[in-house]
Protein backbone atom coordinates (compact mmCIF):
# COMPACT_ATOMS: atom_id res chain seq x y z
CA MET A 1 -0.03 0.15 0.03
CA LEU A 2 2.93 2.32 0.63
CA ARG A 3 4.58 1.32 -2.18
CA ARG A 4 1.44 2.63 -4.20
CA LEU A 5 1.43 5.74 -2.33
CA LEU A 6 4.75 6.61 -2.83
CA LEU A 7 4.42 5.84 -6.84
CA LEU A 8 1.28 7.69 -7.03
CA LEU A 9 3.07 10.76 -5.37
CA LEU A 10 5.98 10.37 -7.55
CA GLY A 11 3.61 10.42 -10.82
CA THR A 12 1.81 13.36 -9.71
CA LEU A 13 5.32 15.28 -9.41
CA LEU A 14 6.29 14.01 -12.95
CA LEU A 15 3.14 14.98 -14.65
CA SER A 16 3.36 18.52 -13.18
CA VAL A 17 6.78 18.61 -14.59
CA CYS A 18 5.93 17.01 -18.05
CA LEU A 19 3.16 19.57 -18.12
CA ASP A 20 5.98 22.31 -18.20
CA GLY A 21 4.08 24.77 -16.02
CA THR A 22 6.15 27.48 -16.97
CA SER A 23 5.70 30.77 -14.83
CA GLY A 24 7.81 34.25 -14.56
CA ILE A 25 6.86 36.61 -11.64
CA PRO A 26 4.77 39.43 -13.36
CA VAL A 27 5.71 43.18 -13.33
CA PRO A 28 3.19 45.73 -12.64
CA ASP A 29 1.08 46.46 -15.78
CA GLU A 30 2.54 43.69 -17.70
CA ARG A 31 0.05 41.74 -20.03
CA GLN A 32 0.96 37.93 -20.35
CA VAL A 33 0.73 36.33 -23.89
CA ASN A 34 0.81 32.73 -24.47
CA GLY A 35 1.93 31.18 -27.76
CA THR A 36 3.24 27.90 -29.02
CA VAL A 37 6.05 26.51 -30.74
CA GLY A 38 5.42 26.68 -34.61
CA GLY A 39 2.54 29.46 -34.13
CA SER A 40 2.22 33.60 -33.98
CA VAL A 41 1.28 35.94 -31.55
CA LEU A 42 -0.10 39.79 -31.61
CA LEU A 43 1.18 42.15 -29.31
CA THR A 44 -1.03 45.14 -29.24
CA ALA A 45 -0.09 48.86 -27.64
CA LEU A 46 -3.16 49.98 -26.45
CA ILE A 47 -3.56 53.77 -27.34
CA PRO A 48 -6.16 55.85 -25.91
CA PRO A 49 -8.80 57.42 -27.67
CA GLY A 50 -7.73 60.97 -29.12
CA LYS A 51 -4.08 60.08 -28.72
CA ALA A 52 -2.28 60.33 -32.20
CA VAL A 53 1.06 58.18 -32.29
CA ALA A 54 4.43 59.30 -33.64
CA GLU A 55 6.52 56.41 -33.15
CA ILE A 56 6.42 52.78 -31.53
CA GLU A 57 9.73 51.31 -30.54
CA TRP A 58 9.47 47.40 -29.65
CA ASN A 59 12.34 45.79 -27.65
CA PHE A 60 13.05 42.57 -26.68
CA GLN A 61 15.05 41.87 -23.31
CA LEU A 62 17.45 38.98 -23.18
CA GLN A 63 18.32 36.51 -20.22
CA ASP A 64 21.18 38.78 -19.59
CA ASP A 65 19.33 41.83 -19.47
CA THR A 66 20.55 43.20 -22.56
CA VAL A 67 17.91 45.40 -24.37
CA LEU A 68 17.55 44.82 -28.32
CA VAL A 69 15.62 47.18 -30.75
CA ILE A 70 13.49 44.79 -32.69
CA ALA A 71 11.15 47.01 -34.59
CA GLU A 72 9.96 50.46 -35.28
CA PHE A 73 6.54 51.76 -36.31
CA THR A 74 7.24 55.49 -37.40
CA LYS A 75 4.36 57.58 -39.32
CA GLY A 76 2.79 54.53 -40.97
CA ASN A 77 6.52 52.66 -41.58
CA PHE A 78 7.76 49.40 -40.29
CA GLY A 79 11.48 49.44 -39.60
CA ARG A 80 13.80 46.50 -38.33
CA PRO A 81 16.99 48.22 -37.06
CA ASP A 82 18.66 44.46 -37.40
CA PRO A 83 17.02 42.17 -39.66
CA GLY A 84 19.74 39.86 -38.94
CA ASP A 85 18.72 39.58 -35.63
CA ARG A 86 17.64 36.24 -33.72
CA PHE A 87 13.98 37.25 -35.14
CA GLN A 88 15.07 37.40 -38.72
CA GLN A 89 12.02 37.63 -40.94
CA ARG A 90 9.42 36.56 -38.23
CA LEU A 91 8.77 39.88 -37.18
CA GLU A 92 5.99 42.10 -39.05
CA ARG A 93 3.47 45.06 -38.52
CA ALA A 94 0.20 43.42 -38.46
CA ASN A 95 -1.45 46.98 -38.16
CA GLU A 96 -0.49 50.60 -36.63
CA THR A 97 -0.01 49.24 -33.16
CA THR A 98 0.42 45.40 -33.43
CA LEU A 99 3.60 43.64 -33.78
CA ARG A 100 3.15 39.84 -34.92
CA LEU A 101 5.65 37.33 -34.32
CA LYS A 102 5.67 34.07 -36.36
CA ASN A 103 7.03 30.65 -36.21
CA LEU A 104 7.77 30.94 -32.67
CA VAL A 105 10.28 29.26 -30.68
CA LYS A 106 10.84 28.58 -26.74
CA GLU A 107 13.44 31.11 -26.95
CA ASP A 108 11.02 33.85 -28.07
CA SER A 109 9.93 33.77 -24.47
CA GLY A 110 10.54 36.56 -22.48
CA VAL A 111 9.44 40.69 -22.20
CA TYR A 112 8.94 42.75 -24.89
CA THR A 113 8.32 46.23 -24.33
CA ALA A 114 6.79 48.84 -26.55
CA HIS A 115 7.80 52.37 -26.39
CA VAL A 116 4.74 54.64 -27.60
CA THR A 117 5.52 58.13 -28.28
CA PHE A 118 2.53 60.32 -29.25
CA GLU A 119 2.65 63.08 -31.19
CA SER A 120 1.98 65.38 -28.00
CA GLY A 121 5.19 64.23 -26.72
CA GLU A 122 3.89 61.76 -24.01
CA ALA A 123 5.99 58.51 -23.83
CA PRO A 124 4.24 55.60 -22.17
CA THR A 125 6.06 52.21 -22.08
CA GLN A 126 3.72 48.66 -21.88
CA THR A 127 5.20 45.48 -21.29
CA PHE A 128 4.36 41.90 -22.45
CA ARG A 129 5.64 38.82 -21.17
CA LEU A 130 5.31 36.35 -23.98
CA VAL A 131 5.31 32.43 -22.80
CA VAL A 132 6.06 29.93 -25.51
CA SER A 133 5.27 26.58 -24.81
CA GLY A 134 5.32 22.96 -26.07
CA THR A 135 7.55 21.43 -28.71
CA SER A 136 5.30 19.93 -31.54
CA LYS A 137 1.78 18.54 -31.58
CA ALA A 138 3.16 14.93 -31.94
CA ILE A 139 5.88 15.23 -29.22
CA GLU A 140 3.38 17.18 -26.55
CA GLN A 141 1.11 13.97 -27.45
CA TRP A 142 3.80 11.37 -26.70
CA ASN A 143 4.77 13.37 -23.49
CA LEU A 144 1.28 13.51 -22.35
CA LEU A 145 0.98 9.74 -23.12
CA VAL A 146 4.46 8.59 -21.48
CA CYS A 147 2.78 10.76 -18.07
CA LEU A 148 -0.29 9.16 -17.97
CA PHE A 149 1.58 5.57 -18.07
CA ILE A 150 3.98 6.88 -15.38
CA ILE A 151 0.44 7.70 -13.21
CA ALA A 152 -1.37 4.53 -14.48
CA MET A 153 1.84 2.45 -13.46
CA PRO A 154 0.76 1.78 -9.49
CA PHE A 155 -2.64 0.69 -10.65
CA LEU A 156 -1.55 -1.65 -13.07
CA THR A 157 0.62 -4.03 -10.59
């Protein structure tokens, strides 16, 4: 009986690891955005009514706290300061205030910042925490089956 209880406890622990419950500590006014490997996400800077946008600068914070300027929206134009960066051709402007990141990889997880400059001179900052999960649908399904088998093992003996 004790053996079954220990195996069940171990199975539950392994299941929590298998499901990859990635969690970051949110900062105030941070919006979490969830994506899956291979998918795409939209990061939308919220603009109050009546405010005219002069520029939006999009940044990505690396693990070592280095900040990369990854895109700029200036008066209807889309610019990439370094098109050869880690994002390559995976970034695009979806509309006047939205950045689209395509073909997500796990390493895209992290903090993105939109520095919005209004024509009035105000410059608020909006922060997004992107969490990219999964590897591929087939691998996720395989991992789930393995985890379920581990949990069911005590009941099969």
